[in-house]
Amino acid sequence: HDLRSRVAGSATFIEFHLVVPASMTVGDSHTI
């Protein structure tokens, strides 16, 4: 959620929040 974007020349900046299970490890969430 909270997906946002902006365009700056050849770059497109994209950011958002990703909700994962609280029990998920940092490594597994990083893989996603």
PDB file of all heavy atoms in Angstrom:
ATOM      1  N   HIS A   1       0.846  -1.201   0.000  1.00  0.00           N
ATOM      2  CA  HIS A   1       0.000   0.000   0.000  1.00  0.00           C
ATOM      3  C   HIS A   1       0.877   1.245   0.000  1.00  0.00           C
ATOM      4  O   HIS A   1       2.104   1.168   0.065  1.00  0.00           O
ATOM      5  CB  HIS A   1      -0.938   0.011   1.218  1.00  0.00           C
ATOM      6  CG  HIS A   1      -0.222   0.046   2.536  1.00  0.00           C
ATOM      7  ND1 HIS A   1       0.153   1.202   3.152  1.00  0.00           N
ATOM      8  CD2 HIS A   1       0.188  -0.965   3.346  1.00  0.00           C
ATOM      9  CE1 HIS A   1       0.759   0.925   4.302  1.00  0.00           C
ATOM     10  NE2 HIS A   1       0.801  -0.395   4.436  1.00  0.00           N
ATOM     11  N   ASP A   2       0.248   2.407  -0.065  1.00  0.00           N
ATOM     12  CA  ASP A   2       0.926   3.701  -0.086  1.00  0.00           C
ATOM     13  C   ASP A   2       1.944   3.772  -1.238  1.00  0.00           C
ATOM     14  O   ASP A   2       3.081   4.217  -1.059  1.00  0.00           O
ATOM     15  CB  ASP A   2       1.630   3.950   1.257  1.00  0.00           C
ATOM     16  CG  ASP A   2       1.801   5.449   1.534  1.00  0.00           C
ATOM     17  OD1 ASP A   2       1.173   6.246   0.834  1.00  0.00           O
ATOM     18  OD2 ASP A   2       2.594   5.791   2.444  1.00  0.00           O
ATOM     19  N   LEU A   3       1.504   3.306  -2.406  1.00  0.00           N
ATOM     20  CA  LEU A   3       2.365   3.310  -3.588  1.00  0.00           C
ATOM     21  C   LEU A   3       2.473   4.722  -4.152  1.00  0.00           C
ATOM     22  O   LEU A   3       1.459   5.381  -4.427  1.00  0.00           O
ATOM     23  CB  LEU A   3       1.795   2.356  -4.642  1.00  0.00           C
ATOM     24  CG  LEU A   3       2.462   2.344  -6.018  1.00  0.00           C
ATOM     25  CD1 LEU A   3       3.928   1.933  -5.919  1.00  0.00           C
ATOM     26  CD2 LEU A   3       1.706   1.407  -6.955  1.00  0.00           C
ATOM     27  N   ARG A   4       3.705   5.192  -4.334  1.00  0.00           N
ATOM     28  CA  ARG A   4       3.943   6.524  -4.885  1.00  0.00           C
ATOM     29  C   ARG A   4       5.028   6.454  -5.954  1.00  0.00           C
ATOM     30  O   ARG A   4       5.881   5.558  -5.926  1.00  0.00           O
ATOM     31  CB  ARG A   4       4.378   7.505  -3.787  1.00  0.00           C
ATOM     32  CG  ARG A   4       3.309   7.763  -2.735  1.00  0.00           C
ATOM     33  CD  ARG A   4       3.717   8.868  -1.782  1.00  0.00           C
ATOM     34  NE  ARG A   4       4.905   8.517  -1.001  1.00  0.00           N
ATOM     35  CZ  ARG A   4       5.489   9.342  -0.128  1.00  0.00           C
ATOM     36  NH1 ARG A   4       5.018  10.564   0.043  1.00  0.00           N
ATOM     37  NH2 ARG A   4       6.553   8.945   0.552  1.00  0.00           N
ATOM     38  N   SER A   5       4.975   7.403  -6.880  1.00  0.00           N
ATOM     39  CA  SER A   5       5.976   7.438  -7.946  1.00  0.00           C
ATOM     40  C   SER A   5       6.267   8.879  -8.336  1.00  0.00           C
ATOM     41  O   SER A   5       5.455   9.779  -8.098  1.00  0.00           O
ATOM     42  CB  SER A   5       5.479   6.669  -9.179  1.00  0.00           C
ATOM     43  OG  SER A   5       4.400   7.365  -9.776  1.00  0.00           O
ATOM     44  N   ARG A   6       7.423   9.081  -8.921  1.00  0.00           N
ATOM     45  CA  ARG A   6       7.776  10.374  -9.515  1.00  0.00           C
ATOM     46  C   ARG A   6       8.790  10.122 -10.621  1.00  0.00           C
ATOM     47  O   ARG A   6       9.568   9.163 -10.560  1.00  0.00           O
ATOM     48  CB  ARG A   6       8.338  11.353  -8.480  1.00  0.00           C
ATOM     49  CG  ARG A   6       9.640  10.935  -7.813  1.00  0.00           C
ATOM     50  CD  ARG A   6      10.038  11.928  -6.729  1.00  0.00           C
ATOM     51  NE  ARG A   6      11.256  11.531  -6.042  1.00  0.00           N
ATOM     52  CZ  ARG A   6      12.483  11.928  -6.386  1.00  0.00           C
ATOM     53  NH1 ARG A   6      12.630  12.724  -7.444  1.00  0.00           N
ATOM     54  NH2 ARG A   6      13.548  11.544  -5.715  1.00  0.00           N
ATOM     55  N   VAL A   7       8.742  10.981 -11.620  1.00  0.00           N
ATOM     56  CA  VAL A   7       9.629  10.835 -12.775  1.00  0.00           C
ATOM     57  C   VAL A   7      10.659  11.952 -12.746  1.00  0.00           C
ATOM     58  O   VAL A   7      10.320  13.119 -12.558  1.00  0.00           O
ATOM     59  CB  VAL A   7       8.828  10.887 -14.091  1.00  0.00           C
ATOM     60  CG1 VAL A   7       9.764  10.761 -15.289  1.00  0.00           C
ATOM     61  CG2 VAL A   7       7.779   9.790 -14.121  1.00  0.00           C
ATOM     62  N   ALA A   8      11.916  11.591 -12.936  1.00  0.00           N
ATOM     63  CA  ALA A   8      13.008  12.566 -12.999  1.00  0.00           C
ATOM     64  C   ALA A   8      13.919  12.186 -14.156  1.00  0.00           C
ATOM     65  O   ALA A   8      14.829  11.375 -14.005  1.00  0.00           O
ATOM     66  CB  ALA A   8      13.781  12.606 -11.687  1.00  0.00           C
ATOM     67  N   GLY A   9      13.658  12.731 -15.330  1.00  0.00           N
ATOM     68  CA  GLY A   9      14.465  12.405 -16.504  1.00  0.00           C
ATOM     69  C   GLY A   9      14.341  10.938 -16.857  1.00  0.00           C
ATOM     70  O   GLY A   9      13.238  10.409 -17.026  1.00  0.00           O
ATOM     71  N   SER A  10      15.470  10.244 -16.926  1.00  0.00           N
ATOM     72  CA  SER A  10      15.462   8.833 -17.306  1.00  0.00           C
ATOM     73  C   SER A  10      15.153   7.915 -16.126  1.00  0.00           C
ATOM     74  O   SER A  10      15.008   6.710 -16.307  1.00  0.00           O
ATOM     75  CB  SER A  10      16.827   8.444 -17.889  1.00  0.00           C
ATOM     76  OG  SER A  10      17.860   8.672 -16.938  1.00  0.00           O
ATOM     77  N   ALA A  11      15.049   8.470 -14.917  1.00  0.00           N
ATOM     78  CA  ALA A  11      14.782   7.663 -13.722  1.00  0.00           C
ATOM     79  C   ALA A  11      13.320   7.765 -13.303  1.00  0.00           C
ATOM     80  O   ALA A  11      12.696   8.829 -13.411  1.00  0.00           O
ATOM     81  CB  ALA A  11      15.672   8.100 -12.561  1.00  0.00           C
ATOM     82  N   THR A  12      12.768   6.648 -12.847  1.00  0.00           N
ATOM     83  CA  THR A  12      11.417   6.622 -12.280  1.00  0.00           C
ATOM     84  C   THR A  12      11.532   6.108 -10.851  1.00  0.00           C
ATOM     85  O   THR A  12      11.909   4.959 -10.625  1.00  0.00           O
ATOM     86  CB  THR A  12      10.492   5.691 -13.085  1.00  0.00           C
ATOM     87  OG1 THR A  12      10.405   6.158 -14.430  1.00  0.00           O
ATOM     88  CG2 THR A  12       9.089   5.674 -12.474  1.00  0.00           C
ATOM     89  N   PHE A  13      11.249   6.984  -9.900  1.00  0.00           N
ATOM     90  CA  PHE A  13      11.357   6.617  -8.490  1.00  0.00           C
ATOM     91  C   PHE A  13      10.022   6.033  -8.018  1.00  0.00           C
ATOM     92  O   PHE A  13       8.963   6.652  -8.202  1.00  0.00           O
ATOM     93  CB  PHE A  13      11.730   7.838  -7.651  1.00  0.00           C
ATOM     94  CG  PHE A  13      13.132   8.332  -7.896  1.00  0.00           C
ATOM     95  CD1 PHE A  13      13.405   9.223  -8.923  1.00  0.00           C
ATOM     96  CD2 PHE A  13      14.184   7.889  -7.119  1.00  0.00           C
ATOM     97  CE1 PHE A  13      14.692   9.673  -9.167  1.00  0.00           C
ATOM     98  CE2 PHE A  13      15.490   8.323  -7.342  1.00  0.00           C
ATOM     99  CZ  PHE A  13      15.738   9.221  -8.369  1.00  0.00           C
ATOM    100  N   ILE A  14      10.092   4.842  -7.415  1.00  0.00           N
ATOM    101  CA  ILE A  14       8.892   4.120  -6.966  1.00  0.00           C
ATOM    102  C   ILE A  14       9.105   3.702  -5.513  1.00  0.00           C
ATOM    103  O   ILE A  14      10.158   3.170  -5.169  1.00  0.00           O
ATOM    104  CB  ILE A  14       8.643   2.869  -7.828  1.00  0.00           C
ATOM    105  CG1 ILE A  14       8.489   3.267  -9.302  1.00  0.00           C
ATOM    106  CG2 ILE A  14       7.419   2.094  -7.338  1.00  0.00           C
ATOM    107  CD1 ILE A  14       8.600   2.094 -10.266  1.00  0.00           C
ATOM    108  N   GLU A  15       8.122   3.961  -4.684  1.00  0.00           N
ATOM    109  CA  GLU A  15       8.218   3.532  -3.290  1.00  0.00           C
ATOM    110  C   GLU A  15       6.849   3.092  -2.784  1.00  0.00           C
ATOM    111  O   GLU A  15       5.816   3.609  -3.226  1.00  0.00           O
ATOM    112  CB  GLU A  15       8.773   4.647  -2.410  1.00  0.00           C
ATOM    113  CG  GLU A  15       7.956   5.926  -2.396  1.00  0.00           C
ATOM    114  CD  GLU A  15       8.582   6.987  -1.519  1.00  0.00           C
ATOM    115  OE1 GLU A  15       9.612   7.570  -1.925  1.00  0.00           O
ATOM    116  OE2 GLU A  15       8.036   7.245  -0.416  1.00  0.00           O
ATOM    117  N   PHE A  16       6.851   2.111  -1.870  1.00  0.00           N
ATOM    118  CA  PHE A  16       5.602   1.634  -1.288  1.00  0.00           C
ATOM    119  C   PHE A  16       5.900   0.847  -0.020  1.00  0.00           C
ATOM    120  O   PHE A  16       7.062   0.528   0.278  1.00  0.00           O
ATOM    121  CB  PHE A  16       4.822   0.759  -2.288  1.00  0.00           C
ATOM    122  CG  PHE A  16       5.578  -0.446  -2.787  1.00  0.00           C
ATOM    123  CD1 PHE A  16       5.470  -1.678  -2.160  1.00  0.00           C
ATOM    124  CD2 PHE A  16       6.396  -0.355  -3.909  1.00  0.00           C
ATOM    125  CE1 PHE A  16       6.153  -2.786  -2.625  1.00  0.00           C
ATOM    126  CE2 PHE A  16       7.091  -1.459  -4.386  1.00  0.00           C
ATOM    127  CZ  PHE A  16       6.969  -2.683  -3.733  1.00  0.00           C
ATOM    128  N   HIS A  17       4.854   0.544   0.740  1.00  0.00           N
ATOM    129  CA  HIS A  17       4.959  -0.270   1.947  1.00  0.00           C
ATOM    130  C   HIS A  17       4.532  -1.691   1.605  1.00  0.00           C
ATOM    131  O   HIS A  17       3.524  -1.895   0.914  1.00  0.00           O
ATOM    132  CB  HIS A  17       4.060   0.287   3.052  1.00  0.00           C
ATOM    133  CG  HIS A  17       4.520   1.599   3.597  1.00  0.00           C
ATOM    134  ND1 HIS A  17       4.282   1.993   4.891  1.00  0.00           N
ATOM    135  CD2 HIS A  17       5.213   2.618   3.027  1.00  0.00           C
ATOM    136  CE1 HIS A  17       4.802   3.184   5.087  1.00  0.00           C
ATOM    137  NE2 HIS A  17       5.364   3.582   3.964  1.00  0.00           N
ATOM    138  N   LEU A  18       5.289  -2.673   2.113  1.00  0.00           N
ATOM    139  CA  LEU A  18       4.972  -4.083   1.887  1.00  0.00           C
ATOM    140  C   LEU A  18       4.713  -4.738   3.251  1.00  0.00           C
ATOM    141  O   LEU A  18       5.594  -4.747   4.112  1.00  0.00           O
ATOM    142  CB  LEU A  18       6.129  -4.783   1.177  1.00  0.00           C
ATOM    143  CG  LEU A  18       5.889  -6.246   0.793  1.00  0.00           C
ATOM    144  CD1 LEU A  18       4.859  -6.346  -0.331  1.00  0.00           C
ATOM    145  CD2 LEU A  18       7.202  -6.908   0.353  1.00  0.00           C
ATOM    146  N   VAL A  19       3.504  -5.258   3.428  1.00  0.00           N
ATOM    147  CA  VAL A  19       3.131  -5.912   4.689  1.00  0.00           C
ATOM    148  C   VAL A  19       3.385  -7.409   4.557  1.00  0.00           C
ATOM    149  O   VAL A  19       2.909  -8.054   3.618  1.00  0.00           O
ATOM    150  CB  VAL A  19       1.650  -5.657   5.018  1.00  0.00           C
ATOM    151  CG1 VAL A  19       1.277  -6.316   6.346  1.00  0.00           C
ATOM    152  CG2 VAL A  19       1.368  -4.157   5.072  1.00  0.00           C
ATOM    153  N   VAL A  20       4.170  -7.946   5.495  1.00  0.00           N
ATOM    154  CA  VAL A  20       4.482  -9.378   5.512  1.00  0.00           C
ATOM    155  C   VAL A  20       4.111  -9.941   6.880  1.00  0.00           C
ATOM    156  O   VAL A  20       3.963  -9.194   7.853  1.00  0.00           O
ATOM    157  CB  VAL A  20       5.989  -9.626   5.230  1.00  0.00           C
ATOM    158  CG1 VAL A  20       6.383  -9.075   3.864  1.00  0.00           C
ATOM    159  CG2 VAL A  20       6.854  -9.001   6.321  1.00  0.00           C
ATOM    160  N   PRO A  21       3.939 -11.273   6.998  1.00  0.00           N
ATOM    161  CA  PRO A  21       3.630 -11.861   8.312  1.00  0.00           C
ATOM    162  C   PRO A  21       4.704 -11.485   9.345  1.00  0.00           C
ATOM    163  O   PRO A  21       5.898 -11.442   9.032  1.00  0.00           O
ATOM    164  CB  PRO A  21       3.626 -13.363   8.036  1.00  0.00           C
ATOM    165  CG  PRO A  21       3.299 -13.472   6.577  1.00  0.00           C
ATOM    166  CD  PRO A  21       3.961 -12.297   5.929  1.00  0.00           C
ATOM    167  N   ALA A  22       4.270 -11.239  10.579  1.00  0.00           N
ATOM    168  CA  ALA A  22       5.207 -10.841  11.634  1.00  0.00           C
ATOM    169  C   ALA A  22       6.239 -11.924  11.916  1.00  0.00           C
ATOM    170  O   ALA A  22       7.360 -11.629  12.353  1.00  0.00           O
ATOM    171  CB  ALA A  22       4.427 -10.506  12.906  1.00  0.00           C
ATOM    172  N   SER A  23       5.874 -13.169  11.655  1.00  0.00           N
ATOM    173  CA  SER A  23       6.784 -14.277  11.934  1.00  0.00           C
ATOM    174  C   SER A  23       7.816 -14.498  10.824  1.00  0.00           C
ATOM    175  O   SER A  23       8.736 -15.302  10.981  1.00  0.00           O
ATOM    176  CB  SER A  23       5.979 -15.573  12.129  1.00  0.00           C
ATOM    177  OG  SER A  23       5.223 -15.853  10.954  1.00  0.00           O
ATOM    178  N   MET A  24       7.687 -13.793   9.705  1.00  0.00           N
ATOM    179  CA  MET A  24       8.593 -13.998   8.579  1.00  0.00           C
ATOM    180  C   MET A  24       9.984 -13.466   8.912  1.00  0.00           C
ATOM    181  O   MET A  24      10.132 -12.407   9.523  1.00  0.00           O
ATOM    182  CB  MET A  24       8.054 -13.317   7.319  1.00  0.00           C
ATOM    183  CG  MET A  24       8.929 -13.494   6.077  1.00  0.00           C
ATOM    184  SD  MET A  24       8.178 -12.800   4.582  1.00  0.00           S
ATOM    185  CE  MET A  24       6.905 -14.032   4.244  1.00  0.00           C
ATOM    186  N   THR A  25      11.016 -14.176   8.506  1.00  0.00           N
ATOM    187  CA  THR A  25      12.384 -13.729   8.766  1.00  0.00           C
ATOM    188  C   THR A  25      12.759 -12.570   7.834  1.00  0.00           C
ATOM    189  O   THR A  25      12.135 -12.355   6.784  1.00  0.00           O
ATOM    190  CB  THR A  25      13.385 -14.868   8.536  1.00  0.00           C
ATOM    191  OG1 THR A  25      13.381 -15.227   7.143  1.00  0.00           O
ATOM    192  CG2 THR A  25      13.028 -16.082   9.389  1.00  0.00           C
ATOM    193  N   VAL A  26      13.798 -11.840   8.245  1.00  0.00           N
ATOM    194  CA  VAL A  26      14.287 -10.740   7.417  1.00  0.00           C
ATOM    195  C   VAL A  26      14.751 -11.270   6.069  1.00  0.00           C
ATOM    196  O   VAL A  26      14.495 -10.663   5.012  1.00  0.00           O
ATOM    197  CB  VAL A  26      15.447 -10.010   8.134  1.00  0.00           C
ATOM    198  CG1 VAL A  26      16.075  -8.972   7.200  1.00  0.00           C
ATOM    199  CG2 VAL A  26      14.964  -9.346   9.403  1.00  0.00           C
ATOM    200  N   GLY A  27      15.396 -12.412   6.069  1.00  0.00           N
ATOM    201  CA  GLY A  27      15.887 -13.000   4.821  1.00  0.00           C
ATOM    202  C   GLY A  27      14.766 -13.336   3.857  1.00  0.00           C
ATOM    203  O   GLY A  27      14.860 -13.056   2.659  1.00  0.00           O
ATOM    204  N   ASP A  28      13.661 -13.904   4.374  1.00  0.00           N
ATOM    205  CA  ASP A  28      12.536 -14.267   3.511  1.00  0.00           C
ATOM    206  C   ASP A  28      11.844 -13.017   2.956  1.00  0.00           C
ATOM    207  O   ASP A  28      11.449 -12.986   1.783  1.00  0.00           O
ATOM    208  CB  ASP A  28      11.532 -15.121   4.282  1.00  0.00           C
ATOM    209  CG  ASP A  28      12.045 -16.529   4.543  1.00  0.00           C
ATOM    210  OD1 ASP A  28      12.985 -16.947   3.838  1.00  0.00           O
ATOM    211  OD2 ASP A  28      11.512 -17.200   5.454  1.00  0.00           O
ATOM    212  N   SER A  29      11.680 -11.997   3.802  1.00  0.00           N
ATOM    213  CA  SER A  29      11.040 -10.768   3.319  1.00  0.00           C
ATOM    214  C   SER A  29      11.927 -10.075   2.285  1.00  0.00           C
ATOM    215  O   SER A  29      11.431  -9.480   1.307  1.00  0.00           O
ATOM    216  CB  SER A  29      10.742  -9.821   4.489  1.00  0.00           C
ATOM    217  OG  SER A  29      11.939  -9.414   5.129  1.00  0.00           O
ATOM    218  N   HIS A  30      13.236 -10.167   2.469  1.00  0.00           N
ATOM    219  CA  HIS A  30      14.162  -9.578   1.505  1.00  0.00           C
ATOM    220  C   HIS A  30      14.066 -10.294   0.161  1.00  0.00           C
ATOM    221  O   HIS A  30      14.157  -9.667  -0.910  1.00  0.00           O
ATOM    222  CB  HIS A  30      15.593  -9.655   2.042  1.00  0.00           C
ATOM    223  CG  HIS A  30      16.586  -8.880   1.225  1.00  0.00           C
ATOM    224  ND1 HIS A  30      17.267  -9.447   0.168  1.00  0.00           N
ATOM    225  CD2 HIS A  30      16.993  -7.585   1.300  1.00  0.00           C
ATOM    226  CE1 HIS A  30      18.068  -8.538  -0.368  1.00  0.00           C
ATOM    227  NE2 HIS A  30      17.922  -7.395   0.304  1.00  0.00           N
ATOM    228  N   THR A  31      13.864 -11.598   0.207  1.00  0.00           N
ATOM    229  CA  THR A  31      13.709 -12.371  -1.029  1.00  0.00           C
ATOM    230  C   THR A  31      12.476 -11.913  -1.802  1.00  0.00           C
ATOM    231  O   THR A  31      12.511 -11.784  -3.041  1.00  0.00           O
ATOM    232  CB  THR A  31      13.586 -13.868  -0.712  1.00  0.00           C
ATOM    233  OG1 THR A  31      14.791 -14.309  -0.069  1.00  0.00           O
ATOM    234  CG2 THR A  31      13.371 -14.685  -1.971  1.00  0.00           C
ATOM    235  N   ILE A  32      11.383 -11.654  -1.088  1.00  0.00           N
ATOM    236  CA  ILE A  32      10.162 -11.155  -1.734  1.00  0.00           C
ATOM    237  C   ILE A  32      10.423  -9.787  -2.370  1.00  0.00           C
ATOM    238  O   ILE A  32      10.006  -9.520  -3.504  1.00  0.00           O
ATOM    239  CB  ILE A  32       9.001 -11.064  -0.719  1.00  0.00           C
ATOM    240  CG1 ILE A  32       8.646 -12.457  -0.194  1.00  0.00           C
ATOM    241  CG2 ILE A  32       7.775 -10.424  -1.365  1.00  0.00           C
ATOM    242  CD1 ILE A  32       7.609 -12.444   0.907  1.00  0.00           C
TER     243      ILE A  32
END
